[in-house]
């Protein structure tokens, strides 16, 4: 997918700092902004749970409360 264009308004002090960083690093201001947004989004993204989480979901919310009743007689010969 092609990059999307957007407009960002910065206060004068932040804009000067951004320009100075871009000059210092030999990069464009747009490149620095893209990098900053990507890093911020990566930090803020919710942690991904392993696909196995929820695999044992039964759809019944009372299983832990009824465990003794449900397991009574389990493992007994009979």
PDB file of N, CA and C in Angstrom:
ATOM      1  N   UNK A   1       0.846  -1.177   0.000  1.00  0.00           N
ATOM      2  CA  UNK A   1       0.000   0.000   0.000  1.00  0.00           C
ATOM      3  C   UNK A   1       0.888   1.235   0.000  1.00  0.00           C
ATOM      4  N   UNK A   2       0.507   2.221  -0.750  1.00  0.00           N
ATOM      5  CA  UNK A   2       1.281   3.456  -0.846  1.00  0.00           C
ATOM      6  C   UNK A   2       1.151   4.257   0.447  1.00  0.00           C
ATOM      7  N   UNK A   3       2.193   5.023   0.741  1.00  0.00           N
ATOM      8  CA  UNK A   3       2.145   5.888   1.915  1.00  0.00           C
ATOM      9  C   UNK A   3       0.990   6.869   1.785  1.00  0.00           C
ATOM     10  N   UNK A   4       0.415   7.224   2.926  1.00  0.00           N
ATOM     11  CA  UNK A   4      -0.672   8.191   2.972  1.00  0.00           C
ATOM     12  C   UNK A   4      -0.112   9.538   3.392  1.00  0.00           C
ATOM     13  N   UNK A   5      -0.585  10.579   2.767  1.00  0.00           N
ATOM     14  CA  UNK A   5      -0.130  11.927   3.085  1.00  0.00           C
ATOM     15  C   UNK A   5      -0.987  12.494   4.208  1.00  0.00           C
ATOM     16  N   UNK A   6      -0.335  13.200   5.129  1.00  0.00           N
ATOM     17  CA  UNK A   6      -1.049  13.857   6.219  1.00  0.00           C
ATOM     18  C   UNK A   6      -0.359  15.170   6.540  1.00  0.00           C
ATOM     19  N   UNK A   7      -1.031  16.004   7.286  1.00  0.00           N
ATOM     20  CA  UNK A   7      -0.468  17.282   7.712  1.00  0.00           C
ATOM     21  C   UNK A   7      -0.356  17.273   9.224  1.00  0.00           C
ATOM     22  N   UNK A   8       0.786  17.707   9.721  1.00  0.00           N
ATOM     23  CA  UNK A   8       1.020  17.775  11.158  1.00  0.00           C
ATOM     24  C   UNK A   8       1.386  19.207  11.508  1.00  0.00           C
ATOM     25  N   UNK A   9       0.703  19.757  12.486  1.00  0.00           N
ATOM     26  CA  UNK A   9       1.019  21.103  12.953  1.00  0.00           C
ATOM     27  C   UNK A   9       1.866  20.999  14.212  1.00  0.00           C
ATOM     28  N   UNK A  10       3.020  21.665  14.196  1.00  0.00           N
ATOM     29  CA  UNK A  10       3.924  21.676  15.344  1.00  0.00           C
ATOM     30  C   UNK A  10       4.082  23.101  15.838  1.00  0.00           C
ATOM     31  N   UNK A  11       4.317  23.235  17.142  1.00  0.00           N
ATOM     32  CA  UNK A  11       4.619  24.582  17.632  1.00  0.00           C
ATOM     33  C   UNK A  11       6.022  24.945  17.140  1.00  0.00           C
ATOM     34  N   UNK A  12       6.337  26.229  17.080  1.00  0.00           N
ATOM     35  CA  UNK A  12       7.618  26.657  16.497  1.00  0.00           C
ATOM     36  C   UNK A  12       8.851  26.015  17.142  1.00  0.00           C
ATOM     37  N   UNK A  13       8.837  25.858  18.456  1.00  0.00           N
ATOM     38  CA  UNK A  13      10.004  25.276  19.133  1.00  0.00           C
ATOM     39  C   UNK A  13      10.206  23.817  18.721  1.00  0.00           C
ATOM     40  N   UNK A  14       9.127  23.045  18.678  1.00  0.00           N
ATOM     41  CA  UNK A  14       9.241  21.642  18.262  1.00  0.00           C
ATOM     42  C   UNK A  14       9.677  21.536  16.803  1.00  0.00           C
ATOM     43  N   UNK A  15       9.173  22.432  15.964  1.00  0.00           N
ATOM     44  CA  UNK A  15       9.545  22.406  14.547  1.00  0.00           C
ATOM     45  C   UNK A  15      11.034  22.700  14.375  1.00  0.00           C
ATOM     46  N   UNK A  16      11.549  23.677  15.133  1.00  0.00           N
ATOM     47  CA  UNK A  16      12.985  23.992  15.058  1.00  0.00           C
ATOM     48  C   UNK A  16      13.819  22.801  15.521  1.00  0.00           C
ATOM     49  N   UNK A  17      13.389  22.149  16.602  1.00  0.00           N
ATOM     50  CA  UNK A  17      14.118  20.965  17.090  1.00  0.00           C
ATOM     51  C   UNK A  17      14.094  19.855  16.050  1.00  0.00           C
ATOM     52  N   UNK A  18      12.944  19.659  15.417  1.00  0.00           N
ATOM     53  CA  UNK A  18      12.822  18.637  14.380  1.00  0.00           C
ATOM     54  C   UNK A  18      13.750  18.942  13.211  1.00  0.00           C
ATOM     55  N   UNK A  19      13.778  20.187  12.781  1.00  0.00           N
ATOM     56  CA  UNK A  19      14.662  20.572  11.677  1.00  0.00           C
ATOM     57  C   UNK A  19      16.127  20.367  12.053  1.00  0.00           C
ATOM     58  N   UNK A  20      16.487  20.742  13.286  1.00  0.00           N
ATOM     59  CA  UNK A  20      17.876  20.583  13.730  1.00  0.00           C
ATOM     60  C   UNK A  20      18.269  19.101  13.756  1.00  0.00           C
ATOM     61  N   UNK A  21      17.378  18.254  14.265  1.00  0.00           N
ATOM     62  CA  UNK A  21      17.660  16.811  14.285  1.00  0.00           C
ATOM     63  C   UNK A  21      17.806  16.259  12.873  1.00  0.00           C
ATOM     64  N   UNK A  22      16.946  16.698  11.980  1.00  0.00           N
ATOM     65  CA  UNK A  22      17.009  16.226  10.594  1.00  0.00           C
ATOM     66  C   UNK A  22      18.345  16.614   9.961  1.00  0.00           C
ATOM     67  N   UNK A  23      18.770  17.852  10.183  1.00  0.00           N
ATOM     68  CA  UNK A  23      20.068  18.292   9.638  1.00  0.00           C
ATOM     69  C   UNK A  23      21.202  17.483  10.245  1.00  0.00           C
ATOM     70  N   UNK A  24      21.161  17.307  11.555  1.00  0.00           N
ATOM     71  CA  UNK A  24      22.213  16.587  12.270  1.00  0.00           C
ATOM     72  C   UNK A  24      22.338  15.142  11.774  1.00  0.00           C
ATOM     73  N   UNK A  25      21.203  14.504  11.510  1.00  0.00           N
ATOM     74  CA  UNK A  25      21.207  13.103  11.091  1.00  0.00           C
ATOM     75  C   UNK A  25      21.220  12.923   9.578  1.00  0.00           C
ATOM     76  N   UNK A  26      21.131  14.022   8.849  1.00  0.00           N
ATOM     77  CA  UNK A  26      21.122  13.930   7.394  1.00  0.00           C
ATOM     78  C   UNK A  26      19.878  13.235   6.853  1.00  0.00           C
ATOM     79  N   UNK A  27      18.771  13.465   7.507  1.00  0.00           N
ATOM     80  CA  UNK A  27      17.504  12.835   7.122  1.00  0.00           C
ATOM     81  C   UNK A  27      16.444  13.913   6.943  1.00  0.00           C
ATOM     82  N   UNK A  28      15.345  13.551   6.330  1.00  0.00           N
ATOM     83  CA  UNK A  28      14.262  14.520   6.150  1.00  0.00           C
ATOM     84  C   UNK A  28      13.407  14.589   7.415  1.00  0.00           C
ATOM     85  N   UNK A  29      12.721  15.715   7.575  1.00  0.00           N
ATOM     86  CA  UNK A  29      11.810  15.840   8.720  1.00  0.00           C
ATOM     87  C   UNK A  29      10.693  14.799   8.608  1.00  0.00           C
ATOM     88  N   UNK A  30      10.240  14.539   7.387  1.00  0.00           N
ATOM     89  CA  UNK A  30       9.179  13.543   7.192  1.00  0.00           C
ATOM     90  C   UNK A  30       9.640  12.162   7.650  1.00  0.00           C
ATOM     91  N   UNK A  31      10.888  11.830   7.357  1.00  0.00           N
ATOM     92  CA  UNK A  31      11.425  10.529   7.764  1.00  0.00           C
ATOM     93  C   UNK A  31      11.460  10.414   9.283  1.00  0.00           C
ATOM     94  N   UNK A  32      11.878  11.487   9.959  1.00  0.00           N
ATOM     95  CA  UNK A  32      11.922  11.464  11.424  1.00  0.00           C
ATOM     96  C   UNK A  32      10.521  11.332  12.009  1.00  0.00           C
ATOM     97  N   UNK A  33       9.561  12.025  11.419  1.00  0.00           N
ATOM     98  CA  UNK A  33       8.184  11.943  11.912  1.00  0.00           C
ATOM     99  C   UNK A  33       7.635  10.534  11.708  1.00  0.00           C
ATOM    100  N   UNK A  34       7.868   9.935  10.540  1.00  0.00           N
ATOM    101  CA  UNK A  34       7.400   8.562  10.294  1.00  0.00           C
ATOM    102  C   UNK A  34       8.003   7.594  11.309  1.00  0.00           C
ATOM    103  N   UNK A  35       9.297   7.755  11.572  1.00  0.00           N
ATOM    104  CA  UNK A  35       9.968   6.879  12.534  1.00  0.00           C
ATOM    105  C   UNK A  35       9.383   7.062  13.931  1.00  0.00           C
ATOM    106  N   UNK A  36       9.153   8.317  14.322  1.00  0.00           N
ATOM    107  CA  UNK A  36       8.608   8.596  15.653  1.00  0.00           C
ATOM    108  C   UNK A  36       7.207   8.009  15.809  1.00  0.00           C
ATOM    109  N   UNK A  37       6.382   8.146  14.783  1.00  0.00           N
ATOM    110  CA  UNK A  37       5.020   7.600  14.838  1.00  0.00           C
ATOM    111  C   UNK A  37       5.069   6.079  14.919  1.00  0.00           C
ATOM    112  N   UNK A  38       5.927   5.453  14.135  1.00  0.00           N
ATOM    113  CA  UNK A  38       6.038   3.990  14.148  1.00  0.00           C
ATOM    114  C   UNK A  38       6.493   3.489  15.517  1.00  0.00           C
ATOM    115  N   UNK A  39       7.482   4.151  16.115  1.00  0.00           N
ATOM    116  CA  UNK A  39       7.968   3.740  17.436  1.00  0.00           C
ATOM    117  C   UNK A  39       6.890   3.930  18.493  1.00  0.00           C
ATOM    118  N   UNK A  40       6.178   5.056  18.437  1.00  0.00           N
ATOM    119  CA  UNK A  40       5.114   5.327  19.402  1.00  0.00           C
ATOM    120  C   UNK A  40       4.006   4.279  19.275  1.00  0.00           C
ATOM    121  N   UNK A  41       3.588   4.002  18.055  1.00  0.00           N
ATOM    122  CA  UNK A  41       2.515   3.030  17.832  1.00  0.00           C
ATOM    123  C   UNK A  41       2.930   1.639  18.301  1.00  0.00           C
ATOM    124  N   UNK A  42       4.183   1.276  18.101  1.00  0.00           N
ATOM    125  CA  UNK A  42       4.668  -0.039  18.531  1.00  0.00           C
ATOM    126  C   UNK A  42       4.643  -0.161  20.054  1.00  0.00           C
ATOM    127  N   UNK A  43       4.987   0.912  20.748  1.00  0.00           N
ATOM    128  CA  UNK A  43       4.973   0.889  22.213  1.00  0.00           C
ATOM    129  C   UNK A  43       3.555   0.848  22.757  1.00  0.00           C
ATOM    130  N   UNK A  44       2.624   1.481  22.075  1.00  0.00           N
ATOM    131  CA  UNK A  44       1.251   1.583  22.557  1.00  0.00           C
ATOM    132  C   UNK A  44       0.371   0.406  22.158  1.00  0.00           C
ATOM    133  N   UNK A  45       0.809  -0.384  21.212  1.00  0.00           N
ATOM    134  CA  UNK A  45      -0.004  -1.507  20.741  1.00  0.00           C
ATOM    135  C   UNK A  45      -0.165  -2.521  21.863  1.00  0.00           C
ATOM    136  N   UNK A  46      -1.355  -3.076  22.000  1.00  0.00           N
ATOM    137  CA  UNK A  46      -1.536  -4.092  23.040  1.00  0.00           C
ATOM    138  C   UNK A  46      -0.674  -5.311  22.736  1.00  0.00           C
ATOM    139  N   UNK A  47      -0.191  -5.919  23.792  1.00  0.00           N
ATOM    140  CA  UNK A  47       0.639  -7.116  23.624  1.00  0.00           C
ATOM    141  C   UNK A  47      -0.206  -8.211  22.988  1.00  0.00           C
ATOM    142  N   UNK A  48       0.367  -8.883  22.031  1.00  0.00           N
ATOM    143  CA  UNK A  48      -0.357  -9.973  21.374  1.00  0.00           C
ATOM    144  C   UNK A  48      -0.213 -11.231  22.213  1.00  0.00           C
ATOM    145  N   UNK A  49      -1.325 -11.854  22.483  1.00  0.00           N
ATOM    146  CA  UNK A  49      -1.317 -13.092  23.254  1.00  0.00           C
ATOM    147  C   UNK A  49      -1.052 -14.269  22.325  1.00  0.00           C
ATOM    148  N   UNK A  50      -0.454 -15.316  22.852  1.00  0.00           N
ATOM    149  CA  UNK A  50      -0.252 -16.505  22.026  1.00  0.00           C
ATOM    150  C   UNK A  50      -1.600 -17.032  21.525  1.00  0.00           C
ATOM    151  N   UNK A  51      -1.592 -17.647  20.357  1.00  0.00           N
ATOM    152  CA  UNK A  51      -2.841 -18.155  19.782  1.00  0.00           C
ATOM    153  C   UNK A  51      -3.479 -19.227  20.650  1.00  0.00           C
ATOM    154  N   UNK A  52      -2.683 -19.858  21.517  1.00  0.00           N
ATOM    155  CA  UNK A  52      -3.229 -20.917  22.366  1.00  0.00           C
ATOM    156  C   UNK A  52      -4.084 -20.370  23.502  1.00  0.00           C
ATOM    157  N   UNK A  53      -3.960 -19.078  23.807  1.00  0.00           N
ATOM    158  CA  UNK A  53      -4.765 -18.495  24.875  1.00  0.00           C
ATOM    159  C   UNK A  53      -6.230 -18.576  24.467  1.00  0.00           C
ATOM    160  N   UNK A  54      -7.038 -19.138  25.331  1.00  0.00           N
ATOM    161  CA  UNK A  54      -8.457 -19.282  25.047  1.00  0.00           C
ATOM    162  C   UNK A  54      -8.817 -20.577  24.347  1.00  0.00           C
ATOM    163  N   UNK A  55      -7.822 -21.400  24.038  1.00  0.00           N
ATOM    164  CA  UNK A  55      -8.094 -22.646  23.318  1.00  0.00           C
ATOM    165  C   UNK A  55      -8.964 -23.589  24.142  1.00  0.00           C
ATOM    166  N   UNK A  56      -8.858 -23.511  25.454  1.00  0.00           N
ATOM    167  CA  UNK A  56      -9.647 -24.392  26.311  1.00  0.00           C
ATOM    168  C   UNK A  56     -10.941 -23.757  26.781  1.00  0.00           C
ATOM    169  N   UNK A  57     -11.322 -22.670  26.169  1.00  0.00           N
ATOM    170  CA  UNK A  57     -12.537 -21.961  26.574  1.00  0.00           C
ATOM    171  C   UNK A  57     -13.748 -22.851  26.310  1.00  0.00           C
ATOM    172  N   UNK A  58     -14.576 -23.014  27.336  1.00  0.00           N
ATOM    173  CA  UNK A  58     -15.726 -23.909  27.207  1.00  0.00           C
ATOM    174  C   UNK A  58     -17.011 -23.158  26.894  1.00  0.00           C
ATOM    175  N   UNK A  59     -17.013 -21.875  27.166  1.00  0.00           N
ATOM    176  CA  UNK A  59     -18.246 -21.125  27.004  1.00  0.00           C
ATOM    177  C   UNK A  59     -19.082 -21.117  28.275  1.00  0.00           C
ATOM    178  N   UNK A  60     -18.623 -21.852  29.283  1.00  0.00           N
ATOM    179  CA  UNK A  60     -19.335 -21.886  30.567  1.00  0.00           C
ATOM    180  C   UNK A  60     -18.499 -21.151  31.593  1.00  0.00           C
ATOM    181  N   UNK A  61     -19.090 -20.197  32.249  1.00  0.00           N
ATOM    182  CA  UNK A  61     -18.361 -19.382  33.211  1.00  0.00           C
ATOM    183  C   UNK A  61     -18.268 -19.972  34.600  1.00  0.00           C
ATOM    184  N   UNK A  62     -18.978 -21.071  34.864  1.00  0.00           N
ATOM    185  CA  UNK A  62     -19.031 -21.595  36.228  1.00  0.00           C
ATOM    186  C   UNK A  62     -18.188 -22.851  36.444  1.00  0.00           C
ATOM    187  N   UNK A  63     -17.338 -23.200  35.515  1.00  0.00           N
ATOM    188  CA  UNK A  63     -16.591 -24.457  35.633  1.00  0.00           C
ATOM    189  C   UNK A  63     -15.717 -24.507  36.876  1.00  0.00           C
ATOM    190  N   UNK A  64     -15.018 -23.430  37.188  1.00  0.00           N
ATOM    191  CA  UNK A  64     -14.127 -23.472  38.349  1.00  0.00           C
ATOM    192  C   UNK A  64     -14.925 -23.590  39.641  1.00  0.00           C
ATOM    193  N   UNK A  65     -16.119 -23.026  39.662  1.00  0.00           N
ATOM    194  CA  UNK A  65     -16.950 -23.107  40.864  1.00  0.00           C
ATOM    195  C   UNK A  65     -17.554 -24.505  41.026  1.00  0.00           C
ATOM    196  N   UNK A  66     -17.724 -25.223  39.925  1.00  0.00           N
ATOM    197  CA  UNK A  66     -18.373 -26.537  39.953  1.00  0.00           C
ATOM    198  C   UNK A  66     -17.380 -27.684  39.772  1.00  0.00           C
ATOM    199  N   UNK A  67     -16.085 -27.401  39.883  1.00  0.00           N
ATOM    200  CA  UNK A  67     -15.062 -28.410  39.589  1.00  0.00           C
ATOM    201  C   UNK A  67     -15.250 -29.686  40.406  1.00  0.00           C
ATOM    202  N   UNK A  68     -15.504 -29.552  41.708  1.00  0.00           N
ATOM    203  CA  UNK A  68     -15.639 -30.756  42.541  1.00  0.00           C
ATOM    204  C   UNK A  68     -16.827 -31.599  42.095  1.00  0.00           C
ATOM    205  N   UNK A  69     -17.961 -30.958  41.820  1.00  0.00           N
ATOM    206  CA  UNK A  69     -19.140 -31.704  41.355  1.00  0.00           C
ATOM    207  C   UNK A  69     -18.863 -32.378  40.018  1.00  0.00           C
ATOM    208  N   UNK A  70     -18.248 -31.658  39.118  1.00  0.00           N
ATOM    209  CA  UNK A  70     -18.007 -32.188  37.781  1.00  0.00           C
ATOM    210  C   UNK A  70     -17.008 -33.342  37.783  1.00  0.00           C
ATOM    211  N   UNK A  71     -16.058 -33.306  38.726  1.00  0.00           N
ATOM    212  CA  UNK A  71     -15.019 -34.340  38.765  1.00  0.00           C
ATOM    213  C   UNK A  71     -15.314 -35.466  39.749  1.00  0.00           C
ATOM    214  N   UNK A  72     -16.456 -35.390  40.435  1.00  0.00           N
ATOM    215  CA  UNK A  72     -16.751 -36.454  41.409  1.00  0.00           C
ATOM    216  C   UNK A  72     -16.844 -37.794  40.679  1.00  0.00           C
ATOM    217  N   UNK A  73     -16.164 -38.750  41.201  1.00  0.00           N
ATOM    218  CA  UNK A  73     -16.156 -40.078  40.603  1.00  0.00           C
ATOM    219  C   UNK A  73     -15.108 -40.265  39.524  1.00  0.00           C
ATOM    220  N   UNK A  74     -14.451 -39.209  39.125  1.00  0.00           N
ATOM    221  CA  UNK A  74     -13.432 -39.320  38.076  1.00  0.00           C
ATOM    222  C   UNK A  74     -12.264 -40.155  38.574  1.00  0.00           C
ATOM    223  N   UNK A  75     -11.850 -41.123  37.810  1.00  0.00           N
ATOM    224  CA  UNK A  75     -10.710 -41.958  38.160  1.00  0.00           C
ATOM    225  C   UNK A  75     -11.058 -43.129  39.059  1.00  0.00           C
ATOM    226  N   UNK A  76     -12.309 -43.227  39.462  1.00  0.00           N
ATOM    227  CA  UNK A  76     -12.715 -44.353  40.307  1.00  0.00           C
ATOM    228  C   UNK A  76     -13.179 -45.497  39.419  1.00  0.00           C
ATOM    229  N   UNK A  77     -12.842 -46.657  39.828  1.00  0.00           N
ATOM    230  CA  UNK A  77     -13.302 -47.832  39.070  1.00  0.00           C
ATOM    231  C   UNK A  77     -14.810 -47.955  39.254  1.00  0.00           C
ATOM    232  N   UNK A  78     -15.467 -48.308  38.236  1.00  0.00           N
ATOM    233  CA  UNK A  78     -16.849 -48.475  38.529  1.00  0.00           C
ATOM    234  C   UNK A  78     -17.749 -48.662  37.456  1.00  0.00           C
TER     235      UNK A  78
END
